[in-house]
Each structure stands twice: as structure tokens, then as C-alpha cells.
Amino acid sequence: YDAVAADALASKYLRPYIGAKELLHSLPRWCLWLEDLNPADLSRSKVLRERVENVRLMRSGSKKQATVSIAATPHLFGERRALNVPYVCLPSVVSENRQYFAADYLPATVIASNLVFTAEDPDGLIFAVASSSMFITWQKAIGGRLESRLRFSNTLVWNNLPLPSVPDDLRQLIIAAGQGVLEARANHPERSLADHYNPLAMAPELLKAHAALDRVVDRAFGAKVPLRSNEERLQILFERYAELTA
């Protein structure tokens, strides 16, 4: 990072790079994002030129044809997922011991790796639902595992989440409650997501914010009275799933 940052031309293309580990533990990681590379910068910067040439050589020498085929564009990532707008980000794998799934918002300048899932979320509904007890109960019940850890999947877990149509007034309450979770986290900006959601040390104000979120999300799934356990949530989830797939 220091060598690239010291280069006046290369430093223009430095972008934060986030995978699941970086997201959860607030770890710094960087990439050169050359989507809008000026070819003249490549000619004038030894740092850029060497980096891109090394990528070309690595790809050209690969035994995989798919890798060889992208050697012609060595300045570009093989897979480009940048949304160019602020987005909600979910790690692909989280600890099974956490009480809530740890999602967060990232600015458009942050490049997401293939170890996180991203989505545009302009009103905050995705973040709110993913941060609820109802969601992590569903994740633990039907999601995959990496060893014992929870492995999120957009197709298996998120696309099958049996959330019925939500009336607009309740939708706004859910969004506001999700914002309440973010505000509670903001009381301790020095903490990583892993610290915030340490099951033995969650801040009382964050627990309170999640409880408020759970009350409105539970209503959206059809709870008639306040729920006391995730076992009750699981029963409702499968009732909704049976109705929506009938």
C-alpha cells in the first residue's frame, strides 16, 4: 500500500477492498481499481505498469482457459461487481454464535470481493430485514454451513425468505427500526461488526434497538403477539413458506 500510495499516478486508482473478514473485523485492504484507467498513466507510472504486466503474465500462463482469455485485459478484475452507488453488504460466512446477522452499509468507493454479497438498498429495507431475528432464524434453519459457521446464500436463503407483501406503513416502521440499529452502533464507532455482535458483550442500546426491530419485522411475517423465542419465529416462517409456495 505504501509504495502505491506514494506514486502520484497509481494512488489515484487505490480503492478499499472488502471481503467477509475485512467487513466483520474492520481490517484495511486495498486494490487498484482500473476500470477508468487512462493508458497514459500506465505508461508514466512504473508501479502501475509492473502490476498490470504481472497480472498479464500470470493469466497468460494459467492452465485454465477462462483465465487465459482475460489476459487481454490485465488491468481489469476478472469479475467486476462495483455497484457505483452506496450498498448494503452481507458477509458470506458468519459465526454461528451470533444473535444477529452482521450486515452493514458501504460507500460506492469500496470494492466488494466475492466473499460478500451486495445489493442496492436505497430505503434500508434489505438491511433491516437481514438484521432481524427472523432472518437469522431462517438462515440457521435452511442455510448452508462452512464447518459450523453460517454460510449465507442469495438463492437458497434470501430469495426463499417467506416475507409476505408488507403494507407501506409497516414497511416504514421496519426501515426506521433498521436505522435505529445503525444509530446504536454509531455510539461506538471504534468497534468492528465482530465486536458489536460479540454474544457476550453486546451493548444494551444495540440490544434494545434490535428488540425494537424484531417487533415490527415479526409483525410483517404475521406474528399476532410479541414473540418470545426463535422457535416461535421458526414456526411462523414455515407457515408463511407453506402459504407462499402452495
C-alpha atoms as a PDB file:
ATOM      1  CA  TYR A   1       0.000   0.000   0.000  1.00  0.00           C
ATOM      2  CA  ASP A   2       2.750   2.488   0.925  1.00  0.00           C
ATOM      3  CA  ALA A   3       4.532   2.059  -2.410  1.00  0.00           C
ATOM      4  CA  VAL A   4       1.348   2.537  -4.421  1.00  0.00           C
ATOM      5  CA  ALA A   5       0.150   5.447  -2.285  1.00  0.00           C
ATOM      6  CA  ALA A   6       3.476   7.201  -2.807  1.00  0.00           C
ATOM      7  CA  ASP A   7       3.062   7.084  -6.593  1.00  0.00           C
ATOM      8  CA  ALA A   8       1.142  10.178  -7.737  1.00  0.00           C
ATOM      9  CA  LEU A   9      -0.440   8.373 -10.689  1.00  0.00           C
ATOM     10  CA  ALA A  10      -1.064   4.934  -9.165  1.00  0.00           C
ATOM     11  CA  SER A  11      -2.571   6.373  -5.977  1.00  0.00           C
ATOM     12  CA  LYS A  12      -5.490   7.800  -7.996  1.00  0.00           C
ATOM     13  CA  TYR A  13      -6.726   4.255  -8.515  1.00  0.00           C
ATOM     14  CA  LEU A  14      -6.447   2.978  -4.943  1.00  0.00           C
ATOM     15  CA  ARG A  15      -9.773   1.739  -3.580  1.00  0.00           C
ATOM     16  CA  PRO A  16     -10.701  -0.059  -0.338  1.00  0.00           C
ATOM     17  CA  TYR A  17     -11.353  -3.760  -0.958  1.00  0.00           C
ATOM     18  CA  ILE A  18     -13.743  -5.680   1.317  1.00  0.00           C
ATOM     19  CA  GLY A  19     -14.303  -9.373   1.854  1.00  0.00           C
ATOM     20  CA  ALA A  20     -16.112 -11.065   4.734  1.00  0.00           C
ATOM     21  CA  LYS A  21     -13.122 -10.911   7.094  1.00  0.00           C
ATOM     22  CA  GLU A  22     -12.471  -7.228   6.354  1.00  0.00           C
ATOM     23  CA  LEU A  23     -16.151  -6.368   6.754  1.00  0.00           C
ATOM     24  CA  LEU A  24     -16.536  -8.116  10.097  1.00  0.00           C
ATOM     25  CA  HIS A  25     -13.243  -7.069  11.659  1.00  0.00           C
ATOM     26  CA  SER A  26     -12.709  -3.606  10.109  1.00  0.00           C
ATOM     27  CA  LEU A  27      -9.453  -4.724   8.533  1.00  0.00           C
ATOM     28  CA  PRO A  28      -7.770  -2.500   5.924  1.00  0.00           C
ATOM     29  CA  ARG A  29      -7.300  -3.995   2.475  1.00  0.00           C
ATOM     30  CA  TRP A  30      -6.771  -2.222  -0.831  1.00  0.00           C
ATOM     31  CA  CYS A  31      -6.894  -2.811  -4.560  1.00  0.00           C
ATOM     32  CA  LEU A  32      -6.058  -0.971  -7.749  1.00  0.00           C
ATOM     33  CA  TRP A  33      -9.384  -0.336  -9.464  1.00  0.00           C
ATOM     34  CA  LEU A  34      -8.501   0.466 -13.069  1.00  0.00           C
ATOM     35  CA  GLU A  35     -11.951   0.477 -14.620  1.00  0.00           C
ATOM     36  CA  ASP A  36     -11.365   4.041 -15.849  1.00  0.00           C
ATOM     37  CA  LEU A  37      -7.630   3.727 -16.435  1.00  0.00           C
ATOM     38  CA  ASN A  38      -6.007   6.412 -18.525  1.00  0.00           C
ATOM     39  CA  PRO A  39      -3.499   4.495 -20.694  1.00  0.00           C
ATOM     40  CA  ALA A  40      -1.105   7.430 -20.414  1.00  0.00           C
ATOM     41  CA  ASP A  41      -0.912   6.826 -16.643  1.00  0.00           C
ATOM     42  CA  LEU A  42       0.144   3.251 -17.328  1.00  0.00           C
ATOM     43  CA  SER A  43       2.991   4.475 -19.498  1.00  0.00           C
ATOM     44  CA  ARG A  44       4.198   7.042 -16.963  1.00  0.00           C
ATOM     45  CA  SER A  45       3.861   5.000 -13.756  1.00  0.00           C
ATOM     46  CA  LYS A  46       6.315   2.158 -13.148  1.00  0.00           C
ATOM     47  CA  VAL A  47       4.166   0.938 -10.257  1.00  0.00           C
ATOM     48  CA  LEU A  48       1.062   0.613 -12.417  1.00  0.00           C
ATOM     49  CA  ARG A  49       2.941  -0.810 -15.380  1.00  0.00           C
ATOM     50  CA  GLU A  50       4.627  -3.556 -13.343  1.00  0.00           C
ATOM     51  CA  ARG A  51       1.427  -4.515 -11.575  1.00  0.00           C
ATOM     52  CA  VAL A  52      -0.581  -4.815 -14.770  1.00  0.00           C
ATOM     53  CA  GLU A  53       2.201  -6.652 -16.623  1.00  0.00           C
ATOM     54  CA  ASN A  54       2.489  -9.178 -13.782  1.00  0.00           C
ATOM     55  CA  VAL A  55      -1.233  -9.836 -13.985  1.00  0.00           C
ATOM     56  CA  ARG A  56      -0.987 -10.356 -17.748  1.00  0.00           C
ATOM     57  CA  LEU A  57       1.836 -12.856 -17.305  1.00  0.00           C
ATOM     58  CA  MET A  58       0.030 -14.731 -14.539  1.00  0.00           C
ATOM     59  CA  ARG A  59      -3.174 -15.006 -16.561  1.00  0.00           C
ATOM     60  CA  SER A  60      -1.376 -15.967 -19.776  1.00  0.00           C
ATOM     61  CA  GLY A  61       0.434 -18.804 -18.005  1.00  0.00           C
ATOM     62  CA  SER A  62      -2.672 -20.255 -16.381  1.00  0.00           C
ATOM     63  CA  LYS A  63      -3.868 -23.786 -17.150  1.00  0.00           C
ATOM     64  CA  LYS A  64      -7.465 -22.525 -17.097  1.00  0.00           C
ATOM     65  CA  GLN A  65      -8.759 -21.255 -20.421  1.00  0.00           C
ATOM     66  CA  ALA A  66     -11.120 -18.831 -18.699  1.00  0.00           C
ATOM     67  CA  THR A  67      -8.129 -17.169 -17.020  1.00  0.00           C
ATOM     68  CA  VAL A  68      -6.096 -17.087 -20.226  1.00  0.00           C
ATOM     69  CA  SER A  69      -8.999 -15.414 -22.020  1.00  0.00           C
ATOM     70  CA  ILE A  70      -8.879 -12.385 -19.719  1.00  0.00           C
ATOM     71  CA  ALA A  71      -5.124 -11.885 -20.137  1.00  0.00           C
ATOM     72  CA  ALA A  72      -6.014  -9.399 -22.883  1.00  0.00           C
ATOM     73  CA  THR A  73      -7.456  -7.046 -20.239  1.00  0.00           C
ATOM     74  CA  PRO A  74      -4.957  -7.384 -17.371  1.00  0.00           C
ATOM     75  CA  HIS A  75      -5.907  -4.001 -15.908  1.00  0.00           C
ATOM     76  CA  LEU A  76      -9.441  -5.228 -15.133  1.00  0.00           C
ATOM     77  CA  PHE A  77     -10.711  -7.596 -12.458  1.00  0.00           C
ATOM     78  CA  GLY A  78     -11.909 -10.907 -13.863  1.00  0.00           C
ATOM     79  CA  GLU A  79     -15.251 -10.303 -12.152  1.00  0.00           C
ATOM     80  CA  ARG A  80     -16.387  -6.729 -11.613  1.00  0.00           C
ATOM     81  CA  ARG A  81     -19.127  -6.222  -9.042  1.00  0.00           C
ATOM     82  CA  ALA A  82     -18.891  -2.499  -8.339  1.00  0.00           C
ATOM     83  CA  LEU A  83     -22.387  -1.014  -7.965  1.00  0.00           C
ATOM     84  CA  ASN A  84     -21.292   2.638  -8.256  1.00  0.00           C
ATOM     85  CA  VAL A  85     -23.835   3.567  -5.567  1.00  0.00           C
ATOM     86  CA  PRO A  86     -23.821   3.057  -1.773  1.00  0.00           C
ATOM     87  CA  TYR A  87     -24.869  -0.509  -0.997  1.00  0.00           C
ATOM     88  CA  VAL A  88     -25.736  -2.937   1.759  1.00  0.00           C
ATOM     89  CA  CYS A  89     -23.130  -5.650   2.289  1.00  0.00           C
ATOM     90  CA  LEU A  90     -23.521  -9.084   3.892  1.00  0.00           C
ATOM     91  CA  PRO A  91     -20.627 -11.449   4.667  1.00  0.00           C
ATOM     92  CA  SER A  92     -20.801 -14.855   3.024  1.00  0.00           C
ATOM     93  CA  VAL A  93     -19.868 -16.588   6.299  1.00  0.00           C
ATOM     94  CA  VAL A  94     -20.507 -15.573   9.917  1.00  0.00           C
ATOM     95  CA  SER A  95     -20.147 -17.215  13.322  1.00  0.00           C
ATOM     96  CA  GLU A  96     -22.995 -19.482  14.350  1.00  0.00           C
ATOM     97  CA  ASN A  97     -22.800 -17.983  17.849  1.00  0.00           C
ATOM     98  CA  ARG A  98     -24.022 -14.537  16.884  1.00  0.00           C
ATOM     99  CA  GLN A  99     -27.524 -13.480  17.823  1.00  0.00           C
ATOM    100  CA  TYR A 100     -27.942 -11.397  14.672  1.00  0.00           C
ATOM    101  CA  PHE A 101     -26.530 -11.463  11.156  1.00  0.00           C
ATOM    102  CA  ALA A 102     -23.956  -8.689  10.717  1.00  0.00           C
ATOM    103  CA  ALA A 103     -24.824  -6.512   7.712  1.00  0.00           C
ATOM    104  CA  ASP A 104     -23.523  -3.031   7.013  1.00  0.00           C
ATOM    105  CA  TYR A 105     -23.630  -0.170   4.521  1.00  0.00           C
ATOM    106  CA  LEU A 106     -20.621   0.691   2.381  1.00  0.00           C
ATOM    107  CA  PRO A 107     -19.953   3.680   0.113  1.00  0.00           C
ATOM    108  CA  ALA A 108     -19.694   3.246  -3.639  1.00  0.00           C
ATOM    109  CA  THR A 109     -15.928   3.734  -3.445  1.00  0.00           C
ATOM    110  CA  VAL A 110     -15.455   0.382  -1.675  1.00  0.00           C
ATOM    111  CA  ILE A 111     -14.899  -2.608  -3.966  1.00  0.00           C
ATOM    112  CA  ALA A 112     -16.567  -5.820  -2.778  1.00  0.00           C
ATOM    113  CA  SER A 113     -14.876  -9.193  -3.187  1.00  0.00           C
ATOM    114  CA  ASN A 114     -16.618 -12.477  -3.968  1.00  0.00           C
ATOM    115  CA  LEU A 115     -16.703 -13.253  -0.227  1.00  0.00           C
ATOM    116  CA  VAL A 116     -19.515 -10.809   0.442  1.00  0.00           C
ATOM    117  CA  PHE A 117     -22.964 -10.255  -1.024  1.00  0.00           C
ATOM    118  CA  THR A 118     -24.097  -6.797  -2.090  1.00  0.00           C
ATOM    119  CA  ALA A 119     -27.349  -5.107  -3.064  1.00  0.00           C
ATOM    120  CA  GLU A 120     -28.655  -1.644  -3.688  1.00  0.00           C
ATOM    121  CA  ASP A 121     -30.841  -0.721  -0.726  1.00  0.00           C
ATOM    122  CA  PRO A 122     -31.962   2.895  -1.163  1.00  0.00           C
ATOM    123  CA  ASP A 123     -34.645   2.843   1.526  1.00  0.00           C
ATOM    124  CA  GLY A 124     -32.985   0.452   4.012  1.00  0.00           C
ATOM    125  CA  LEU A 125     -35.500  -2.401   3.952  1.00  0.00           C
ATOM    126  CA  ILE A 126     -32.950  -5.078   2.988  1.00  0.00           C
ATOM    127  CA  PHE A 127     -30.616  -4.044   5.807  1.00  0.00           C
ATOM    128  CA  ALA A 128     -33.460  -4.021   8.342  1.00  0.00           C
ATOM    129  CA  VAL A 129     -34.825  -7.454   7.423  1.00  0.00           C
ATOM    130  CA  ALA A 130     -31.336  -9.008   7.251  1.00  0.00           C
ATOM    131  CA  SER A 131     -30.588  -7.614  10.733  1.00  0.00           C
ATOM    132  CA  SER A 132     -33.647  -9.183  12.348  1.00  0.00           C
ATOM    133  CA  SER A 133     -34.017 -12.294  14.491  1.00  0.00           C
ATOM    134  CA  MET A 134     -36.492 -13.625  11.942  1.00  0.00           C
ATOM    135  CA  PHE A 135     -33.816 -13.595   9.265  1.00  0.00           C
ATOM    136  CA  ILE A 136     -31.005 -15.276  11.230  1.00  0.00           C
ATOM    137  CA  THR A 137     -33.501 -17.907  12.421  1.00  0.00           C
ATOM    138  CA  TRP A 138     -34.248 -18.685   8.769  1.00  0.00           C
ATOM    139  CA  GLN A 139     -30.534 -18.662   7.945  1.00  0.00           C
ATOM    140  CA  LYS A 140     -29.732 -21.138  10.708  1.00  0.00           C
ATOM    141  CA  ALA A 141     -32.609 -23.413   9.700  1.00  0.00           C
ATOM    142  CA  ILE A 142     -32.151 -23.713   5.947  1.00  0.00           C
ATOM    143  CA  GLY A 143     -28.802 -22.067   5.098  1.00  0.00           C
ATOM    144  CA  GLY A 144     -25.534 -23.809   4.379  1.00  0.00           C
ATOM    145  CA  ARG A 145     -22.541 -24.238   6.670  1.00  0.00           C
ATOM    146  CA  LEU A 146     -18.793 -23.853   6.419  1.00  0.00           C
ATOM    147  CA  GLU A 147     -17.638 -26.169   9.177  1.00  0.00           C
ATOM    148  CA  SER A 148     -20.045 -24.948  11.889  1.00  0.00           C
ATOM    149  CA  ARG A 149     -20.300 -21.340  10.689  1.00  0.00           C
ATOM    150  CA  LEU A 150     -23.335 -19.939   8.895  1.00  0.00           C
ATOM    151  CA  ARG A 151     -22.963 -19.672   5.137  1.00  0.00           C
ATOM    152  CA  PHE A 152     -25.258 -17.143   3.505  1.00  0.00           C
ATOM    153  CA  SER A 153     -26.650 -17.711   0.022  1.00  0.00           C
ATOM    154  CA  ASN A 154     -28.703 -15.278  -2.016  1.00  0.00           C
ATOM    155  CA  THR A 155     -30.516 -18.050  -3.885  1.00  0.00           C
ATOM    156  CA  LEU A 156     -31.091 -20.578  -1.102  1.00  0.00           C
ATOM    157  CA  VAL A 157     -31.559 -18.236   1.865  1.00  0.00           C
ATOM    158  CA  TRP A 158     -32.515 -14.738   0.763  1.00  0.00           C
ATOM    159  CA  ASN A 159     -34.620 -15.468  -2.331  1.00  0.00           C
ATOM    160  CA  ASN A 160     -36.613 -18.061  -0.382  1.00  0.00           C
ATOM    161  CA  LEU A 161     -37.194 -15.909   2.710  1.00  0.00           C
ATOM    162  CA  PRO A 162     -41.005 -16.100   3.052  1.00  0.00           C
ATOM    163  CA  LEU A 163     -41.696 -12.414   3.648  1.00  0.00           C
ATOM    164  CA  PRO A 164     -45.263 -11.573   2.598  1.00  0.00           C
ATOM    165  CA  SER A 165     -46.188  -8.265   0.987  1.00  0.00           C
ATOM    166  CA  VAL A 166     -45.638  -5.559   3.592  1.00  0.00           C
ATOM    167  CA  PRO A 167     -48.080  -2.635   3.911  1.00  0.00           C
ATOM    168  CA  ASP A 168     -46.388   0.700   3.379  1.00  0.00           C
ATOM    169  CA  ASP A 169     -46.960   1.937   6.945  1.00  0.00           C
ATOM    170  CA  LEU A 170     -45.355  -1.190   8.416  1.00  0.00           C
ATOM    171  CA  ARG A 171     -42.579  -1.041   5.830  1.00  0.00           C
ATOM    172  CA  GLN A 172     -41.684   2.454   7.023  1.00  0.00           C
ATOM    173  CA  LEU A 173     -41.619   1.265  10.639  1.00  0.00           C
ATOM    174  CA  ILE A 174     -39.219  -1.545   9.696  1.00  0.00           C
ATOM    175  CA  ILE A 175     -36.943   0.853   7.829  1.00  0.00           C
ATOM    176  CA  ALA A 176     -36.938   3.263  10.787  1.00  0.00           C
ATOM    177  CA  ALA A 177     -36.129   0.438  13.200  1.00  0.00           C
ATOM    178  CA  GLY A 178     -33.228  -0.622  10.990  1.00  0.00           C
ATOM    179  CA  GLN A 179     -31.943   2.933  11.148  1.00  0.00           C
ATOM    180  CA  GLY A 180     -32.199   2.654  14.918  1.00  0.00           C
ATOM    181  CA  VAL A 181     -29.764  -0.273  14.811  1.00  0.00           C
ATOM    182  CA  LEU A 182     -27.273   1.827  12.844  1.00  0.00           C
ATOM    183  CA  GLU A 183     -27.657   4.705  15.304  1.00  0.00           C
ATOM    184  CA  ALA A 184     -26.997   2.367  18.238  1.00  0.00           C
ATOM    185  CA  ARG A 185     -23.829   1.117  16.562  1.00  0.00           C
ATOM    186  CA  ALA A 186     -22.734   4.699  15.957  1.00  0.00           C
ATOM    187  CA  ASN A 187     -22.418   5.172  19.730  1.00  0.00           C
ATOM    188  CA  HIS A 188     -19.248   3.060  19.480  1.00  0.00           C
ATOM    189  CA  PRO A 189     -17.656   3.821  16.096  1.00  0.00           C
ATOM    190  CA  GLU A 190     -14.383   2.279  17.228  1.00  0.00           C
ATOM    191  CA  ARG A 191     -15.962  -1.197  17.347  1.00  0.00           C
ATOM    192  CA  SER A 192     -15.934  -3.615  14.435  1.00  0.00           C
ATOM    193  CA  LEU A 193     -19.053  -5.569  13.494  1.00  0.00           C
ATOM    194  CA  ALA A 194     -17.500  -8.586  15.225  1.00  0.00           C
ATOM    195  CA  ASP A 195     -17.140  -6.524  18.394  1.00  0.00           C
ATOM    196  CA  HIS A 196     -20.670  -5.104  18.171  1.00  0.00           C
ATOM    197  CA  TYR A 197     -22.130  -8.602  17.861  1.00  0.00           C
ATOM    198  CA  ASN A 198     -19.966 -10.461  20.346  1.00  0.00           C
ATOM    199  CA  PRO A 199     -22.710 -12.548  22.020  1.00  0.00           C
ATOM    200  CA  LEU A 200     -21.156 -11.976  25.452  1.00  0.00           C
ATOM    201  CA  ALA A 201     -20.697  -8.221  25.141  1.00  0.00           C
ATOM    202  CA  MET A 202     -23.451  -6.595  23.062  1.00  0.00           C
ATOM    203  CA  ALA A 203     -24.152  -3.014  24.137  1.00  0.00           C
ATOM    204  CA  PRO A 204     -27.532  -2.585  25.897  1.00  0.00           C
ATOM    205  CA  GLU A 205     -28.584   0.149  23.460  1.00  0.00           C
ATOM    206  CA  LEU A 206     -27.832  -2.130  20.492  1.00  0.00           C
ATOM    207  CA  LEU A 207     -29.827  -4.974  22.031  1.00  0.00           C
ATOM    208  CA  LYS A 208     -32.700  -2.560  22.625  1.00  0.00           C
ATOM    209  CA  ALA A 209     -32.574  -1.380  19.016  1.00  0.00           C
ATOM    210  CA  HIS A 210     -32.654  -4.961  17.733  1.00  0.00           C
ATOM    211  CA  ALA A 211     -35.580  -5.789  20.014  1.00  0.00           C
ATOM    212  CA  ALA A 212     -37.492  -2.845  18.532  1.00  0.00           C
ATOM    213  CA  LEU A 213     -36.619  -4.034  15.027  1.00  0.00           C
ATOM    214  CA  ASP A 214     -37.739  -7.580  15.830  1.00  0.00           C
ATOM    215  CA  ARG A 215     -41.157  -6.400  16.989  1.00  0.00           C
ATOM    216  CA  VAL A 216     -42.005  -4.788  13.648  1.00  0.00           C
ATOM    217  CA  VAL A 217     -40.350  -7.455  11.474  1.00  0.00           C
ATOM    218  CA  ASP A 218     -42.208 -10.185  13.389  1.00  0.00           C
ATOM    219  CA  ARG A 219     -45.460  -8.361  12.609  1.00  0.00           C
ATOM    220  CA  ALA A 220     -44.559  -8.296   8.922  1.00  0.00           C
ATOM    221  CA  PHE A 221     -44.257 -12.093   8.951  1.00  0.00           C
ATOM    222  CA  GLY A 222     -47.651 -12.422  10.611  1.00  0.00           C
ATOM    223  CA  ALA A 223     -46.990 -12.554  14.354  1.00  0.00           C
ATOM    224  CA  LYS A 224     -50.155 -11.541  16.213  1.00  0.00           C
ATOM    225  CA  VAL A 225     -48.495 -11.172  19.620  1.00  0.00           C
ATOM    226  CA  PRO A 226     -44.908 -10.392  20.705  1.00  0.00           C
ATOM    227  CA  LEU A 227     -42.742 -13.463  20.142  1.00  0.00           C
ATOM    228  CA  ARG A 228     -40.666 -14.885  22.972  1.00  0.00           C
ATOM    229  CA  SER A 229     -38.262 -17.186  21.128  1.00  0.00           C
ATOM    230  CA  ASN A 230     -36.722 -18.032  17.797  1.00  0.00           C
ATOM    231  CA  GLU A 231     -38.560 -21.365  17.937  1.00  0.00           C
ATOM    232  CA  GLU A 232     -41.801 -19.400  17.650  1.00  0.00           C
ATOM    233  CA  ARG A 233     -40.309 -17.469  14.758  1.00  0.00           C
ATOM    234  CA  LEU A 234     -39.322 -20.692  13.001  1.00  0.00           C
ATOM    235  CA  GLN A 235     -42.891 -21.972  13.203  1.00  0.00           C
ATOM    236  CA  ILE A 236     -44.184 -18.742  11.633  1.00  0.00           C
ATOM    237  CA  LEU A 237     -41.505 -18.844   8.925  1.00  0.00           C
ATOM    238  CA  PHE A 238     -42.518 -22.310   7.785  1.00  0.00           C
ATOM    239  CA  GLU A 239     -46.198 -21.410   7.949  1.00  0.00           C
ATOM    240  CA  ARG A 240     -45.540 -18.437   5.648  1.00  0.00           C
ATOM    241  CA  TYR A 241     -43.343 -20.581   3.398  1.00  0.00           C
ATOM    242  CA  ALA A 242     -46.099 -23.189   3.066  1.00  0.00           C
ATOM    243  CA  GLU A 243     -48.624 -20.490   2.187  1.00  0.00           C
ATOM    244  CA  LEU A 244     -46.396 -18.763  -0.367  1.00  0.00           C
ATOM    245  CA  THR A 245     -45.419 -21.988  -2.128  1.00  0.00           C
ATOM    246  CA  ALA A 246     -48.849 -23.654  -2.079  1.00  0.00           C
END
